[in-house]
Protein backbone atom coordinates (compact mmCIF):
# COMPACT_ATOMS: atom_id res chain seq x y z
CA MET A 1 0.00 0.00 0.00
CA MET A 2 2.77 2.42 0.93
CA SER A 3 4.68 1.62 -2.26
CA PHE A 4 1.51 2.38 -4.24
CA LEU A 5 1.21 5.76 -2.54
CA THR A 6 4.82 6.85 -2.76
CA GLY A 7 6.47 4.76 -5.47
CA SER A 8 10.13 3.89 -5.30
CA HIS A 9 12.84 6.31 -4.31
CA LYS A 10 14.49 5.93 -7.69
CA ASP A 11 11.58 7.89 -9.14
CA SER A 12 12.53 10.99 -7.16
CA TRP A 13 13.40 13.77 -9.51
CA GLN A 14 16.57 15.74 -8.93
CA PRO A 15 17.70 17.92 -11.85
CA ILE A 16 21.30 17.71 -13.04
CA MET A 17 23.63 20.20 -11.37
CA THR A 18 24.66 22.84 -13.89
CA ALA A 19 27.04 24.81 -11.65
CA LYS A 20 28.21 25.05 -8.06
CA THR A 21 25.69 27.28 -6.37
CA ASN A 22 27.81 28.09 -3.31
CA GLN A 23 30.58 29.75 -5.32
CA PRO A 24 30.85 33.58 -5.53
CA SER A 25 31.05 33.38 -9.33
CA TYR A 26 27.57 31.89 -9.42
CA TRP A 27 26.06 34.97 -7.76
CA LEU A 28 28.25 37.86 -8.90
CA ASN A 29 26.96 38.37 -12.43
CA TRP A 30 24.38 40.36 -14.41
CA ARG A 31 21.79 37.56 -14.41
CA VAL A 32 21.47 37.49 -10.64
CA LEU A 33 21.40 41.29 -10.51
CA LEU A 34 18.53 41.44 -12.99
CA CYS A 35 16.60 38.67 -11.22
CA ALA A 36 17.14 40.45 -7.91
CA MET A 37 15.65 43.58 -9.46
CA TRP A 38 12.48 41.67 -10.44
CA ILE A 39 12.21 40.32 -6.89
CA LEU A 40 12.78 43.73 -5.31
CA VAL A 41 10.23 45.45 -7.55
CA SER A 42 7.64 42.74 -6.79
CA LEU A 43 8.29 43.09 -3.07
CA ILE A 44 8.03 46.90 -3.10
CA LEU A 45 4.85 46.99 -5.21
CA SER A 46 3.19 44.30 -3.09
CA SER A 47 4.09 46.09 0.14
CA LEU A 48 2.76 49.42 -1.13
CA LEU A 49 -0.48 47.76 -2.25
CA ILE A 50 -1.01 46.15 1.15
CA TRP A 51 -0.06 49.30 3.05
CA LYS A 52 -2.47 51.43 1.03
CA TYR A 53 -5.57 49.24 1.31
CA GLU A 54 -5.09 47.38 4.58
CA SER A 55 -4.77 50.67 6.43
CA LEU A 56 -8.32 51.51 5.29
CA ARG A 57 -9.84 48.68 7.29
CA LYS A 58 -8.99 50.32 10.61
CA PRO A 59 -12.24 51.99 11.70
CA ALA A 60 -12.02 55.71 12.19
CA ARG A 61 -13.19 56.96 15.56
CA ASN A 62 -15.77 59.70 16.03
CA GLY A 63 -15.68 60.45 19.71
CA SER A 64 -16.24 57.14 21.46
CA ARG A 65 -18.07 55.57 18.52
CA GLU A 66 -16.45 53.61 15.69
CA THR A 67 -17.77 54.35 12.24
CA GLN A 68 -18.98 51.35 10.25
CA GLU A 69 -17.98 52.50 6.77
CA GLU A 70 -17.06 49.49 4.67
CA THR A 71 -14.02 49.16 2.45
CA SER A 72 -12.64 46.35 0.32
CA ALA A 73 -10.58 45.31 3.35
CA THR A 74 -13.57 45.00 5.69
CA LEU A 75 -14.30 41.60 7.19
CA TYR A 76 -17.00 40.70 9.69
CA GLU A 77 -16.54 38.00 12.28
CA ASP A 78 -19.44 35.85 11.08
CA GLU A 79 -18.09 35.77 7.52
CA THR A 80 -15.32 33.43 8.65
CA TRP A 81 -17.73 30.63 9.61
CA ARG A 82 -21.13 31.37 8.04
CA PRO A 83 -22.14 29.52 4.83
CA CYS A 84 -23.07 31.66 1.85
CA LEU A 85 -26.67 30.36 1.76
CA LYS A 86 -29.09 30.80 4.64
CA GLY A 87 -30.47 27.31 4.12
CA VAL A 88 -27.07 25.70 4.73
CA HIS A 89 -26.38 25.02 8.38
CA PRO A 90 -22.94 26.18 9.67
CA ALA A 91 -22.32 22.59 10.74
CA TRP A 92 -21.89 21.57 7.08
CA LEU A 93 -19.10 24.07 6.49
CA MET A 94 -17.54 23.09 9.81
CA ALA A 95 -17.64 19.38 8.90
CA PHE A 96 -16.17 20.04 5.47
CA ARG A 97 -13.27 22.00 6.95
CA VAL A 98 -12.57 19.40 9.64
CA VAL A 99 -12.52 16.57 7.08
CA ALA A 100 -10.31 18.59 4.71
CA PHE A 101 -7.89 19.41 7.53
CA ILE A 102 -7.59 15.76 8.60
CA VAL A 103 -7.05 14.50 5.04
CA LEU A 104 -4.48 17.18 4.19
CA LEU A 105 -2.62 16.70 7.47
CA VAL A 106 -2.45 12.92 6.96
CA LEU A 107 -1.10 13.36 3.42
CA LEU A 108 1.48 15.87 4.63
CA ILE A 109 2.62 13.54 7.43
CA ILE A 110 2.91 10.61 5.01
CA ASN A 111 4.91 12.74 2.60
CA ALA A 112 7.24 13.91 5.36
CA ALA A 113 7.64 10.38 6.74
CA VAL A 114 8.62 9.02 3.32
CA ASP A 115 10.86 11.80 2.02
CA GLY A 116 11.87 13.59 5.21
CA GLY A 117 12.29 17.32 5.70
CA SER A 118 13.61 17.72 2.16
CA ILE A 119 10.00 17.97 0.93
CA PHE A 120 9.95 21.57 2.13
CA HIS A 121 12.49 22.32 -0.54
CA TYR A 122 9.52 22.51 -2.90
CA TYR A 123 6.96 25.27 -3.36
CA THR A 124 4.29 22.55 -3.53
CA GLN A 125 4.87 21.54 0.09
CA TRP A 126 4.97 25.17 1.20
CA THR A 127 1.56 25.66 -0.37
CA PHE A 128 0.27 22.31 0.91
CA THR A 129 1.33 23.22 4.45
CA SER A 130 -0.32 26.62 4.10
CA ILE A 131 -3.63 25.18 2.95
CA THR A 132 -3.50 22.62 5.79
CA ILE A 133 -3.08 25.50 8.25
CA TYR A 134 -5.95 27.29 6.53
CA PHE A 135 -8.34 24.39 7.08
CA GLY A 136 -7.05 23.87 10.63
CA LEU A 137 -7.73 27.51 11.54
CA GLY A 138 -10.98 27.42 9.58
CA SER A 139 -12.11 24.39 11.58
CA LEU A 140 -11.54 26.27 14.84
CA LEU A 141 -13.40 29.35 13.58
CA SER A 142 -16.27 27.19 12.32
CA ILE A 143 -16.51 25.38 15.65
CA TYR A 144 -16.73 28.76 17.37
CA GLY A 145 -19.35 29.89 14.85
CA TYR A 146 -21.35 26.72 15.32
CA TYR A 147 -21.34 27.38 19.07
CA GLN A 148 -22.64 30.91 18.50
CA HIS A 149 -25.29 29.65 16.10
CA HIS A 150 -26.37 26.97 18.56
CA LYS A 151 -26.72 29.54 21.35
CA LYS A 152 -28.89 31.69 19.11
CA ALA A 153 -31.00 28.72 18.02
CA THR A 154 -31.64 27.72 21.63
CA GLY A 155 -32.70 31.25 22.54
CA ASP A 156 -29.65 32.18 24.59
CA LYS A 157 -27.96 35.55 24.47
CA VAL A 158 -24.74 36.01 22.60
CA ASP A 159 -22.44 38.35 24.46
CA ASN A 160 -25.51 39.66 26.36
CA VAL A 161 -27.19 40.77 23.15
CA ASP A 162 -30.35 39.11 21.84
CA GLY A 163 -30.57 38.49 18.13
CA ASP A 164 -28.60 36.97 15.29
CA ALA A 165 -25.33 35.08 15.60
CA GLU A 166 -23.28 37.92 14.26
CA GLN A 167 -22.87 39.44 17.76
CA GLY A 168 -23.95 43.01 17.35
CA VAL A 169 -26.48 45.65 18.27
CA TYR A 170 -29.25 46.96 16.09
CA ASP A 171 -28.82 50.32 14.41
CA ALA A 172 -30.76 51.71 11.46
CA SER A 173 -27.84 53.92 10.38
CA ALA A 174 -25.54 51.07 9.33
CA LEU A 175 -26.58 48.89 6.42
CA PRO A 176 -24.22 46.18 5.21
CA GLN A 177 -23.63 46.40 1.48
CA SER A 178 -24.90 43.09 0.19
CA SER A 179 -24.33 41.84 -3.33
CA ASN A 180 -27.95 40.68 -3.22
CA PRO A 181 -30.27 43.59 -4.26
CA SER A 182 -33.37 41.99 -2.73
CA TYR A 183 -31.56 41.65 0.61
CA HIS A 184 -30.61 45.33 0.49
CA GLU A 185 -34.19 46.37 -0.33
CA LYS A 186 -35.50 44.34 2.58
CA SER A 187 -32.97 46.07 4.83
CA LEU A 188 -34.21 49.47 3.68
CA ARG A 189 -37.82 48.52 4.31
CA ALA A 190 -37.11 47.24 7.83
CA PRO A 191 -34.31 49.35 9.29
CA GLU A 192 -35.14 48.30 12.81
CA GLU A 193 -33.92 44.78 11.93
CA VAL A 194 -30.54 45.81 10.57
CA LEU A 195 -27.60 44.58 12.56
CA VAL A 196 -24.35 46.38 13.22
CA ARG A 197 -22.09 43.38 12.88
CA GLN A 198 -18.89 42.87 14.78
CA ARG A 199 -15.69 43.31 12.82
CA ALA A 200 -13.40 40.30 12.61
CA GLY A 201 -10.46 40.08 14.98
CA ILE A 202 -6.83 39.42 14.10
CA TRP A 203 -7.41 35.67 13.56
CA GLY A 204 -10.26 36.37 11.18
CA TYR A 205 -8.06 38.60 9.03
CA ILE A 206 -5.20 36.11 9.17
CA PHE A 207 -7.64 33.44 8.03
CA GLN A 208 -8.81 35.52 5.06
CA ILE A 209 -5.24 36.45 4.09
CA ILE A 210 -4.17 32.78 4.14
CA PHE A 211 -7.26 31.98 2.03
CA GLN A 212 -6.22 34.48 -0.64
CA ILE A 213 -2.56 33.42 -0.56
CA ASN A 214 -3.65 29.83 -1.10
CA ALA A 215 -6.00 30.85 -3.91
CA GLY A 216 -3.11 32.10 -6.02
CA ALA A 217 -0.53 29.60 -4.80
CA VAL A 218 -2.69 26.52 -5.46
CA VAL A 219 -3.45 27.63 -9.02
CA LEU A 220 0.23 28.46 -9.60
CA THR A 221 1.43 25.17 -8.10
CA ASP A 222 -0.99 22.93 -9.94
CA CYS A 223 -0.67 24.73 -13.29
CA VAL A 224 3.14 24.67 -13.21
CA PHE A 225 3.11 21.00 -12.18
CA TRP A 226 0.58 19.72 -14.72
CA PHE A 227 1.48 21.96 -17.66
CA ILE A 228 5.26 22.41 -17.24
CA ILE A 229 6.80 19.90 -14.85
CA VAL A 230 4.85 16.77 -15.81
CA PRO A 231 5.47 17.02 -19.59
CA PHE A 232 9.16 17.61 -18.88
CA LEU A 233 9.40 14.69 -16.45
CA THR A 234 7.48 12.21 -18.60
CA ILE A 235 10.03 12.75 -21.33
CA LYS A 236 12.66 11.63 -18.82
CA ASP A 237 10.62 8.47 -18.01
CA TYR A 238 9.63 9.81 -14.62
CA ASN A 239 6.89 7.71 -13.01
CA LEU A 240 4.31 9.72 -11.09
CA ASN A 241 3.13 7.99 -7.93
CA PHE A 242 -0.32 8.32 -6.38
CA LEU A 243 0.84 10.62 -3.56
CA ILE A 244 2.37 13.17 -5.95
CA VAL A 245 -0.70 13.16 -8.17
CA ILE A 246 -3.19 13.59 -5.31
CA MET A 247 -1.13 16.33 -3.60
CA HIS A 248 -1.29 18.36 -6.81
CA SER A 249 -5.05 17.85 -7.14
CA ILE A 250 -6.79 17.56 -3.79
CA ASN A 251 -5.52 20.96 -2.64
CA ALA A 252 -7.51 22.65 -5.43
CA VAL A 253 -10.54 20.41 -4.86
CA PHE A 254 -10.77 21.27 -1.16
CA LEU A 255 -10.11 24.98 -1.66
CA ILE A 256 -12.72 25.31 -4.40
CA GLY A 257 -15.17 23.33 -2.26
CA ASP A 258 -14.61 25.65 0.68
CA THR A 259 -14.95 28.70 -1.58
CA SER A 260 -18.29 27.49 -2.87
CA LEU A 261 -19.59 27.26 0.72
CA ASN A 262 -17.97 30.14 2.59
CA CYS A 263 -18.79 33.85 2.87
CA LEU A 264 -15.24 35.19 2.57
CA ARG A 265 -14.64 38.17 0.33
CA PHE A 266 -11.92 38.26 -2.29
CA PRO A 267 -10.49 41.80 -2.65
CA TRP A 268 -7.95 42.12 -5.45
CA PHE A 269 -5.36 44.07 -3.45
CA ARG A 270 -4.49 40.98 -1.41
CA ILE A 271 -2.62 39.62 -4.40
CA GLY A 272 0.18 41.47 -2.63
CA TYR A 273 0.30 38.78 0.05
CA PHE A 274 0.45 36.08 -2.60
CA CYS A 275 3.38 37.83 -4.30
CA ILE A 276 5.21 38.22 -1.00
CA TRP A 277 4.61 34.52 -0.31
CA THR A 278 6.23 33.56 -3.62
CA VAL A 279 9.07 36.05 -3.18
CA THR A 280 9.74 34.64 0.30
CA TYR A 281 10.08 31.16 -1.19
CA VAL A 282 12.52 32.39 -3.85
CA ILE A 283 14.62 34.28 -1.31
CA PHE A 284 14.67 31.17 0.89
CA GLN A 285 15.96 29.14 -2.06
CA TRP A 286 18.65 31.72 -2.79
CA ILE A 287 19.88 31.66 0.81
CA VAL A 288 19.96 27.85 0.90
CA HIS A 289 21.80 27.58 -2.43
CA ALA A 290 24.27 30.30 -1.49
CA CYS A 291 25.24 28.25 1.56
CA ILE A 292 24.97 24.73 0.10
CA ASN A 293 25.83 23.35 -3.32
CA LEU A 294 22.42 21.97 -4.14
CA TRP A 295 20.23 21.22 -7.16
CA TRP A 296 17.34 23.56 -7.82
CA PRO A 297 13.86 22.13 -7.16
CA TYR A 298 12.57 23.77 -10.35
CA PRO A 299 14.72 24.25 -13.49
CA PHE A 300 13.51 27.82 -14.07
CA LEU A 301 15.03 28.90 -10.73
CA ASP A 302 18.54 28.01 -11.88
CA LEU A 303 20.51 31.26 -12.14
CA SER A 304 23.27 29.76 -14.29
CA SER A 305 21.05 29.88 -17.37
CA SER A 306 21.28 32.95 -19.58
CA TYR A 307 17.46 32.83 -19.75
CA ALA A 308 17.09 33.06 -15.97
CA PRO A 309 15.98 36.75 -15.99
CA LEU A 310 13.25 35.90 -18.52
CA TRP A 311 12.10 32.93 -16.45
CA TYR A 312 11.94 34.99 -13.26
CA PHE A 313 10.07 37.78 -15.04
CA ALA A 314 7.64 35.25 -16.54
CA VAL A 315 6.94 33.63 -13.15
CA ALA A 316 6.40 37.08 -11.62
CA LEU A 317 3.83 37.92 -14.31
CA LEU A 318 2.25 34.45 -14.03
CA GLN A 319 1.06 35.28 -10.53
CA ILE A 320 -1.45 37.79 -11.92
CA PRO A 321 -3.44 35.35 -14.10
CA CYS A 322 -3.18 32.64 -11.43
CA TYR A 323 -4.74 34.95 -8.86
CA GLY A 324 -7.17 36.22 -11.48
CA ILE A 325 -8.40 32.72 -12.31
CA PHE A 326 -9.48 32.19 -8.72
CA ALA A 327 -10.98 35.68 -8.56
CA LEU A 328 -13.10 34.77 -11.60
CA LEU A 329 -14.24 31.57 -9.85
CA VAL A 330 -15.37 33.66 -6.87
CA LYS A 331 -17.25 36.06 -9.18
CA LEU A 332 -18.86 33.10 -10.94
CA LYS A 333 -19.99 31.77 -7.57
CA HIS A 334 -21.48 35.17 -6.67
CA TYR A 335 -23.33 35.38 -9.98
CA ILE A 336 -24.73 31.84 -9.99
CA LEU A 337 -25.82 31.68 -6.35
CA SER A 338 -27.17 35.24 -6.15
CA THR A 339 -29.19 34.59 -9.33
CA ARG A 340 -30.54 31.16 -8.39
CA TYR A 341 -31.02 31.84 -4.67
CA PRO A 342 -31.64 35.61 -4.38
CA ASP A 343 -33.47 35.33 -1.05
CA SER A 344 -30.97 32.95 0.52
CA TYR A 345 -27.59 34.21 -0.74
CA GLN A 346 -25.87 36.31 1.93
CA CYS A 347 -22.32 36.98 0.73
CA ILE A 348 -21.05 40.54 0.53
CA ARG A 349 -18.80 41.52 -2.36
């Protein structure tokens, strides 16, 4: 069974060493300088994007009262655990996340047990670990949300406030901007039932940021693997084992499944976190290779090639369509569910 999952060790792919990476001559040349410029520009632009828009989510204070003006960075606490349809019980999203976390964690442990710590040499395992953390944190938030929902359903008070599970107080002056027009109209007709919802805490924002990092990273990982790495490896008679195949598939399946159920928003500016994630991986690889003479996990990272600057530039640009693909999936979800279930859909765009 284990041999079916992992295959034989002779199938492990390690590219041929083209040059000694821990020699000064490998790093002191125009190729590395140009690649470093791409990395620095990506890092600066991503940081400026995050600084500009994340700062807007901090509520301005008017005396002792916080204003509830929404921005693209706004996140409410209940959006981390509430399903996107009113008819779906929070327990379903909680169960999905718990199952996904267990499956991903088991696969990661098996991979580490078979190949050791060297698996974290690959961007795939970085992303797989990140998505495992996402579902682990999501499970905890969903369990908390289920508890809040249960208290509401049994008629208890939530934080000494009667009402919905979102933990707030009623105020006719604050209307959440729903993507569902009928929901907004109902809110206008019955202002006394509008809820000032509690903003998400630090863990809620961390959860959403990890979600959006994974969105881009999973698409990038799986696309590079299936459309670049696999064709290259099959030419070299590389035999893909079941574990490798499933680790480059199930991550997307679980993330898309969670996206179809959750209420998380998907603001474009958080592509900055995804870029920083990828840049961090590249910098990590540079540090490791500068200290140790080691093969590169991906051929296009090899700085000895005269085409290295083009490869690095191409990968930097590739992050935009990868993030965009997932953004389109989220928009498609909004369109389909808000059209088919206008009275039940409760996501905010």
